[in-house]
Amino acid sequence: MAPRPALASWEALGTTAVLVLTDERLLAHARAIVEQELDRIDRACSRFRADSDLSRLNARTGEWVQVDPLLVEATELGLRAARITDGDVDPTLGVALELAGYDRDWKLLEPVSGHTAAERTVSWMPRVRAAVRPGWQAVKLGRARSSVRLPRGVKLDLGATAKAWAADRASRAVHEATGLGVLVSLGGDISTCGQAPAGGWNVHVTDDHRAPANASGQRIAIHAGGLATSSVAVRRWRHEGRAMHHIIDPSSGAPTSGPWRTVSVAAIDCADANIASTAALVRGESAAERLEGLGLPARLVRHDGAVVTVGSWPAEEAGRRAA
């Protein structure tokens, strides 16, 4: 009898972790590998754990701090993201996020429900400006001693890259240990490794990874690589009477107010896909053209639900809108 695929889902890193394996007999072993990998990354890179290496680093700006090699690797990826996006995806936006009210775990914030035009034109207008400008160019890495130095007054936040990077690390670890095809999703950021099932991995692309199977969106199949979705429509909270979200425009230090509510991108791995999807939300109207120039398949959804697809992303019905 041919092995059957199996799925496991649980809460991790403040979001939902999903593991799909092409052989159910090794699912428990694979889940243990993923859980161990995510726990290591959480201890090193969480902004919301007082005992994490990242919290220690942010508390000692202006000096060299020895940290877990995982944090050095994660920081290196964050700096690469800033470099290849000309600073549109910036890992030194921790202060701006705190000023926007994102100073604790997402579950402890006051959520905002709905997504009205009034909120977009009034509550979402940039009203928060970081008192200290970002400074990713001044972040220093000491790889030989596993150490990092942040500019004074700057705090690191790796939210734009670390979750996708964790998915990539976890999927590779499972494949190396089992030889099987594996999909790992962290909050809808998806990494695959090994042989995909016949027909590919079936993925529901939508605003919210927690949405039910019949939610508005698009079903596609991926055979390799990664897929990331960045959105301002879901992870939103109220701070000082205003609706906020977690995608910060480095040029203003405030939550972005561009034309897109959700962007999904496919790439060689989940980290690169997430860098591109986050940059697209910051870049506004030029995002589709720039994704086309990079050769990255993408699906962009405007605030009114109009869908734009780029490159080899599967086309939707003419005039299709995401509700």
Protein backbone atom coordinates (compact mmCIF):
# COMPACT_ATOMS: atom_id res chain seq x y z
CA MET A 1 0.00 0.00 0.00
CA ALA A 2 1.35 3.43 -0.97
CA PRO A 3 2.10 5.78 1.93
CA ARG A 4 -0.54 8.39 2.62
CA PRO A 5 0.19 12.06 3.29
CA ALA A 6 -0.70 13.50 6.69
CA LEU A 7 -1.09 16.91 8.33
CA ALA A 8 -0.43 18.31 11.79
CA SER A 9 -1.27 21.81 13.04
CA TRP A 10 -0.45 23.64 16.28
CA GLU A 11 0.34 27.08 17.68
CA ALA A 12 3.95 28.30 17.52
CA LEU A 13 5.82 31.61 17.21
CA GLY A 14 2.58 33.49 17.90
CA THR A 15 0.87 31.99 14.86
CA THR A 16 -0.31 28.70 13.37
CA ALA A 17 2.24 26.09 12.34
CA VAL A 18 1.17 23.52 9.74
CA LEU A 19 3.21 20.49 8.74
CA VAL A 20 2.29 18.26 5.79
CA LEU A 21 4.31 15.12 5.11
CA THR A 22 4.01 12.68 2.22
CA ASP A 23 4.11 9.66 4.57
CA GLU A 24 1.90 9.62 7.66
CA ARG A 25 4.09 7.01 9.37
CA LEU A 26 6.81 9.58 10.08
CA LEU A 27 4.54 12.50 10.95
CA ALA A 28 5.22 12.40 14.71
CA HIS A 29 8.97 12.30 14.12
CA ALA A 30 8.75 15.16 11.62
CA ARG A 31 6.65 17.27 13.99
CA ALA A 32 9.24 16.82 16.75
CA ILE A 33 11.93 18.10 14.37
CA VAL A 34 9.87 21.17 13.45
CA GLU A 35 8.98 21.92 17.07
CA GLN A 36 12.63 21.73 18.11
CA GLU A 37 13.69 24.05 15.27
CA LEU A 38 10.98 26.60 16.06
CA ASP A 39 11.79 26.54 19.76
CA ARG A 40 15.46 27.31 19.03
CA ILE A 41 14.51 30.19 16.76
CA ASP A 42 12.00 31.57 19.27
CA ARG A 43 14.61 31.57 22.04
CA ALA A 44 17.08 33.37 19.81
CA CYS A 45 14.95 35.76 17.74
CA SER A 46 11.71 36.64 19.56
CA ARG A 47 11.10 40.33 20.27
CA PHE A 48 8.47 39.36 22.86
CA ARG A 49 10.51 37.08 25.10
CA ALA A 50 12.50 38.82 27.82
CA ASP A 51 14.96 35.92 27.85
CA SER A 52 15.63 35.86 24.09
CA ASP A 53 18.96 36.81 22.57
CA LEU A 54 17.19 39.47 20.51
CA SER A 55 15.77 41.12 23.64
CA ARG A 56 19.25 41.17 25.19
CA LEU A 57 20.64 42.70 22.02
CA ASN A 58 17.96 45.39 21.83
CA ALA A 59 18.62 46.30 25.47
CA ARG A 60 22.34 46.85 24.83
CA THR A 61 22.50 49.01 21.73
CA GLY A 62 25.80 50.64 20.91
CA GLU A 63 27.91 47.72 22.12
CA TRP A 64 28.94 44.30 20.85
CA VAL A 65 26.69 41.55 22.23
CA GLN A 66 27.48 37.85 21.92
CA VAL A 67 24.38 35.97 20.77
CA ASP A 68 23.23 32.61 19.50
CA PRO A 69 24.57 31.93 15.97
CA LEU A 70 20.93 31.61 14.88
CA LEU A 71 20.38 35.29 15.65
CA VAL A 72 23.48 36.23 13.68
CA GLU A 73 22.11 34.26 10.71
CA ALA A 74 18.66 35.79 11.09
CA THR A 75 20.14 39.29 11.32
CA GLU A 76 22.27 38.66 8.25
CA LEU A 77 19.11 37.72 6.34
CA GLY A 78 17.33 40.85 7.59
CA LEU A 79 20.22 43.01 6.38
CA ARG A 80 20.22 41.20 3.02
CA ALA A 81 16.51 42.00 2.72
CA ALA A 82 17.24 45.69 3.31
CA ARG A 83 20.09 45.67 0.82
CA ILE A 84 18.22 44.01 -2.07
CA THR A 85 15.08 46.14 -1.53
CA ASP A 86 16.97 49.42 -1.17
CA GLY A 87 15.78 49.66 2.43
CA ASP A 88 12.08 49.04 1.77
CA VAL A 89 12.25 45.97 4.02
CA ASP A 90 14.20 47.18 7.04
CA PRO A 91 15.05 45.07 10.13
CA THR A 92 15.76 48.15 12.27
CA LEU A 93 12.12 49.24 12.64
CA GLY A 94 11.64 47.98 16.19
CA VAL A 95 11.18 51.50 17.60
CA ALA A 96 8.61 52.39 14.92
CA LEU A 97 6.64 49.22 15.71
CA GLU A 98 6.67 50.02 19.41
CA LEU A 99 5.43 53.55 18.72
CA ALA A 100 2.62 52.03 16.68
CA GLY A 101 1.66 49.97 19.72
CA TYR A 102 3.20 46.65 18.65
CA ASP A 103 5.23 46.34 21.85
CA ARG A 104 3.88 43.00 23.03
CA ASP A 105 2.71 39.68 21.66
CA TRP A 106 -0.02 40.05 19.03
CA LYS A 107 -2.53 38.16 21.21
CA LEU A 108 -2.28 40.88 23.88
CA LEU A 109 -3.17 43.75 21.53
CA GLU A 110 -6.64 45.20 21.03
CA PRO A 111 -7.74 43.76 17.67
CA VAL A 112 -9.53 45.77 14.99
CA SER A 113 -12.34 43.99 13.17
CA GLY A 114 -13.60 44.87 9.71
CA HIS A 115 -11.77 46.70 6.96
CA THR A 116 -13.79 49.76 6.06
CA ALA A 117 -12.99 52.55 3.65
CA ALA A 118 -13.31 55.02 6.52
CA GLU A 119 -10.57 53.24 8.45
CA ARG A 120 -8.32 53.21 5.38
CA THR A 121 -8.69 56.91 4.69
CA VAL A 122 -8.69 58.20 8.27
CA SER A 123 -7.44 55.74 10.86
CA TRP A 124 -4.74 54.31 8.64
CA MET A 125 -3.20 57.63 7.66
CA PRO A 126 0.39 57.77 8.96
CA ARG A 127 0.29 59.41 12.39
CA VAL A 128 3.25 57.62 13.98
CA ARG A 129 6.84 58.60 13.28
CA ALA A 130 9.79 56.86 14.85
CA ALA A 131 11.77 59.19 17.08
CA VAL A 132 14.97 57.43 15.99
CA ARG A 133 15.48 56.82 12.31
CA PRO A 134 16.28 53.26 11.19
CA GLY A 135 19.93 52.46 10.60
CA TRP A 136 20.35 49.08 9.00
CA GLN A 137 23.57 50.14 7.25
CA ALA A 138 25.17 50.70 10.66
CA VAL A 139 24.35 47.25 12.08
CA LYS A 140 27.57 45.27 12.52
CA LEU A 141 28.00 41.48 12.55
CA GLY A 142 30.91 39.63 14.14
CA ARG A 143 30.48 36.16 12.72
CA ALA A 144 33.70 34.74 14.19
CA ARG A 145 32.58 35.60 17.73
CA SER A 146 28.83 35.24 17.02
CA SER A 147 28.14 38.83 17.99
CA VAL A 148 26.07 41.80 16.80
CA ARG A 149 26.30 45.54 17.42
CA LEU A 150 23.27 47.78 16.89
CA PRO A 151 23.48 51.57 16.52
CA ARG A 152 22.48 53.42 19.69
CA GLY A 153 18.74 53.90 19.99
CA VAL A 154 17.93 51.37 17.26
CA LYS A 155 15.98 48.16 17.93
CA LEU A 156 15.97 45.12 15.71
CA ASP A 157 12.72 43.52 14.56
CA LEU A 158 12.99 40.48 12.29
CA GLY A 159 9.27 39.98 11.68
CA ALA A 160 9.57 40.60 7.93
CA THR A 161 11.98 37.71 7.42
CA ALA A 162 12.37 35.42 10.45
CA LYS A 163 9.08 33.53 10.19
CA ALA A 164 9.63 32.64 6.53
CA TRP A 165 13.26 31.78 7.28
CA ALA A 166 12.09 29.51 10.11
CA ALA A 167 9.73 27.73 7.71
CA ASP A 168 12.62 27.17 5.28
CA ARG A 169 14.87 25.81 8.02
CA ALA A 170 12.16 23.52 9.35
CA SER A 171 11.20 22.06 5.97
CA ARG A 172 14.86 21.39 5.11
CA ALA A 173 15.48 19.75 8.49
CA VAL A 174 12.53 17.39 8.05
CA HIS A 175 13.52 16.47 4.51
CA GLU A 176 17.13 15.82 5.51
CA ALA A 177 15.99 13.56 8.37
CA THR A 178 13.29 11.63 6.48
CA GLY A 179 13.97 11.99 2.74
CA LEU A 180 10.26 12.74 2.30
CA GLY A 181 8.36 15.56 0.67
CA VAL A 182 7.41 18.17 3.26
CA LEU A 183 5.49 21.42 3.48
CA VAL A 184 5.81 23.74 6.48
CA SER A 185 3.55 26.76 6.85
CA LEU A 186 4.01 29.41 9.53
CA GLY A 187 1.17 31.89 9.51
CA GLY A 188 0.59 31.20 5.82
CA ASP A 189 4.24 31.57 4.82
CA ILE A 190 4.98 28.28 3.11
CA SER A 191 8.21 26.38 2.50
CA THR A 192 8.44 23.06 0.66
CA CYS A 193 11.29 20.59 0.34
CA GLY A 194 11.63 17.23 -1.38
CA GLN A 195 9.26 15.53 -3.79
CA ALA A 196 5.79 17.08 -3.90
CA PRO A 197 2.67 14.88 -4.01
CA ALA A 198 1.17 14.09 -7.40
CA GLY A 199 -0.37 17.32 -8.65
CA GLY A 200 1.68 19.46 -6.26
CA TRP A 201 0.93 20.97 -2.87
CA ASN A 202 -2.63 22.32 -2.80
CA VAL A 203 -2.61 25.81 -1.26
CA HIS A 204 -5.46 28.23 -0.50
CA VAL A 205 -4.17 31.79 -1.03
CA THR A 206 -6.23 34.32 0.92
CA ASP A 207 -5.91 37.34 3.22
CA ASP A 208 -5.94 35.30 6.43
CA HIS A 209 -4.21 31.93 6.82
CA ARG A 210 -6.73 31.06 9.55
CA ALA A 211 -9.69 31.52 7.20
CA PRO A 212 -11.91 28.49 6.45
CA ALA A 213 -11.52 26.52 3.23
CA ASN A 214 -14.47 28.30 1.61
CA ALA A 215 -13.10 31.81 2.29
CA SER A 216 -12.53 34.17 -0.62
CA GLY A 217 -9.21 33.62 -2.33
CA GLN A 218 -7.60 31.33 -4.89
CA ARG A 219 -6.54 27.70 -4.85
CA ILE A 220 -3.25 26.95 -6.53
CA ALA A 221 -0.70 24.11 -6.63
CA ILE A 222 3.00 24.56 -5.97
CA HIS A 223 5.61 21.93 -6.74
CA ALA A 224 8.75 23.39 -5.16
CA GLY A 225 10.16 26.44 -3.43
CA GLY A 226 8.28 28.87 -1.23
CA LEU A 227 5.16 31.01 -1.15
CA ALA A 228 4.62 33.97 1.16
CA THR A 229 1.64 36.21 1.79
CA SER A 230 1.92 39.64 3.42
CA SER A 231 -1.25 41.49 4.38
CA VAL A 232 -2.41 44.63 6.17
CA ALA A 233 -5.98 43.30 6.36
CA VAL A 234 -5.61 40.83 9.21
CA ARG A 235 -2.95 41.55 11.84
CA ARG A 236 -4.39 44.90 12.89
CA TRP A 237 -4.91 46.47 16.29
CA ARG A 238 -6.10 49.69 17.88
CA HIS A 239 -3.58 52.05 19.45
CA GLU A 240 -4.44 55.47 20.86
CA GLY A 241 -7.80 55.29 19.09
CA ARG A 242 -6.40 54.43 15.66
CA ALA A 243 -6.19 51.27 13.59
CA MET A 244 -2.62 50.07 13.06
CA HIS A 245 -0.90 47.22 11.25
CA HIS A 246 2.58 45.71 11.28
CA ILE A 247 3.93 46.66 7.83
CA ILE A 248 5.98 49.81 8.38
CA ASP A 249 7.06 52.20 5.64
CA PRO A 250 10.69 53.05 6.47
CA SER A 251 10.37 56.44 4.77
CA SER A 252 7.71 57.59 7.27
CA GLY A 253 8.18 55.26 10.25
CA ALA A 254 4.42 54.64 10.09
CA PRO A 255 2.19 51.77 8.94
CA THR A 256 1.94 51.71 5.15
CA SER A 257 -1.12 53.24 3.50
CA GLY A 258 -0.67 51.98 -0.07
CA PRO A 259 -3.18 50.49 -2.54
CA TRP A 260 -2.65 46.80 -1.69
CA ARG A 261 -4.22 44.93 1.21
CA THR A 262 -2.58 41.57 0.46
CA VAL A 263 0.34 40.42 -1.68
CA SER A 264 1.35 36.79 -2.30
CA VAL A 265 4.63 35.90 -4.02
CA ALA A 266 6.25 32.62 -5.10
CA ALA A 267 10.04 32.31 -5.08
CA ILE A 268 12.92 29.87 -4.77
CA ASP A 269 12.35 29.76 -1.01
CA CYS A 270 9.95 31.23 1.52
CA ALA A 271 12.39 33.86 2.79
CA ASP A 272 12.85 35.43 -0.65
CA ALA A 273 9.10 35.24 -1.27
CA ASN A 274 8.39 37.05 1.99
CA ILE A 275 10.96 39.75 1.34
CA ALA A 276 9.29 40.43 -2.02
CA SER A 277 5.72 40.38 -0.67
CA THR A 278 6.57 42.78 2.17
CA ALA A 279 8.43 45.14 -0.15
CA ALA A 280 5.43 45.16 -2.50
CA LEU A 281 3.14 46.49 0.25
CA VAL A 282 5.64 49.28 0.96
CA ARG A 283 6.20 50.14 -2.72
CA GLY A 284 2.56 50.75 -3.60
CA GLU A 285 1.53 51.18 -7.23
CA SER A 286 4.99 50.32 -8.59
CA ALA A 287 4.96 46.90 -6.88
CA ALA A 288 3.45 44.85 -9.72
CA GLU A 289 5.89 46.21 -12.30
CA ARG A 290 8.85 45.62 -10.00
CA LEU A 291 7.77 42.04 -9.25
CA GLU A 292 7.43 41.48 -13.00
CA GLY A 293 10.95 42.76 -13.48
CA LEU A 294 12.24 40.32 -10.86
CA GLY A 295 10.49 37.42 -12.60
CA LEU A 296 8.50 36.54 -9.48
CA PRO A 297 4.95 35.18 -9.86
CA ALA A 298 2.63 37.20 -7.63
CA ARG A 299 -0.99 37.94 -6.74
CA LEU A 300 -1.83 41.44 -5.47
CA VAL A 301 -5.20 42.36 -3.98
CA ARG A 302 -6.36 45.96 -3.77
CA HIS A 303 -8.37 47.26 -0.81
CA ASP A 304 -11.55 47.08 -2.91
CA GLY A 305 -10.89 43.39 -3.70
CA ALA A 306 -9.61 43.82 -7.28
CA VAL A 307 -6.96 41.20 -8.06
CA VAL A 308 -3.81 41.75 -10.15
CA THR A 309 -1.62 38.78 -11.09
CA VAL A 310 2.02 38.97 -12.20
CA GLY A 311 4.18 36.67 -14.29
CA SER A 312 3.29 32.98 -14.30
CA TRP A 313 0.89 33.24 -11.38
CA PRO A 314 -2.31 31.36 -12.42
CA ALA A 315 -4.83 33.78 -13.88
CA GLU A 316 -8.18 34.32 -12.18
CA GLU A 317 -11.52 34.95 -13.82
CA ALA A 318 -11.76 38.29 -15.60
CA GLY A 319 -12.89 41.02 -13.27
CA ARG A 320 -12.46 38.75 -10.26
CA ARG A 321 -12.49 40.47 -6.92
CA ALA A 322 -11.45 39.11 -3.55
CA ALA A 323 -14.32 39.88 -1.19
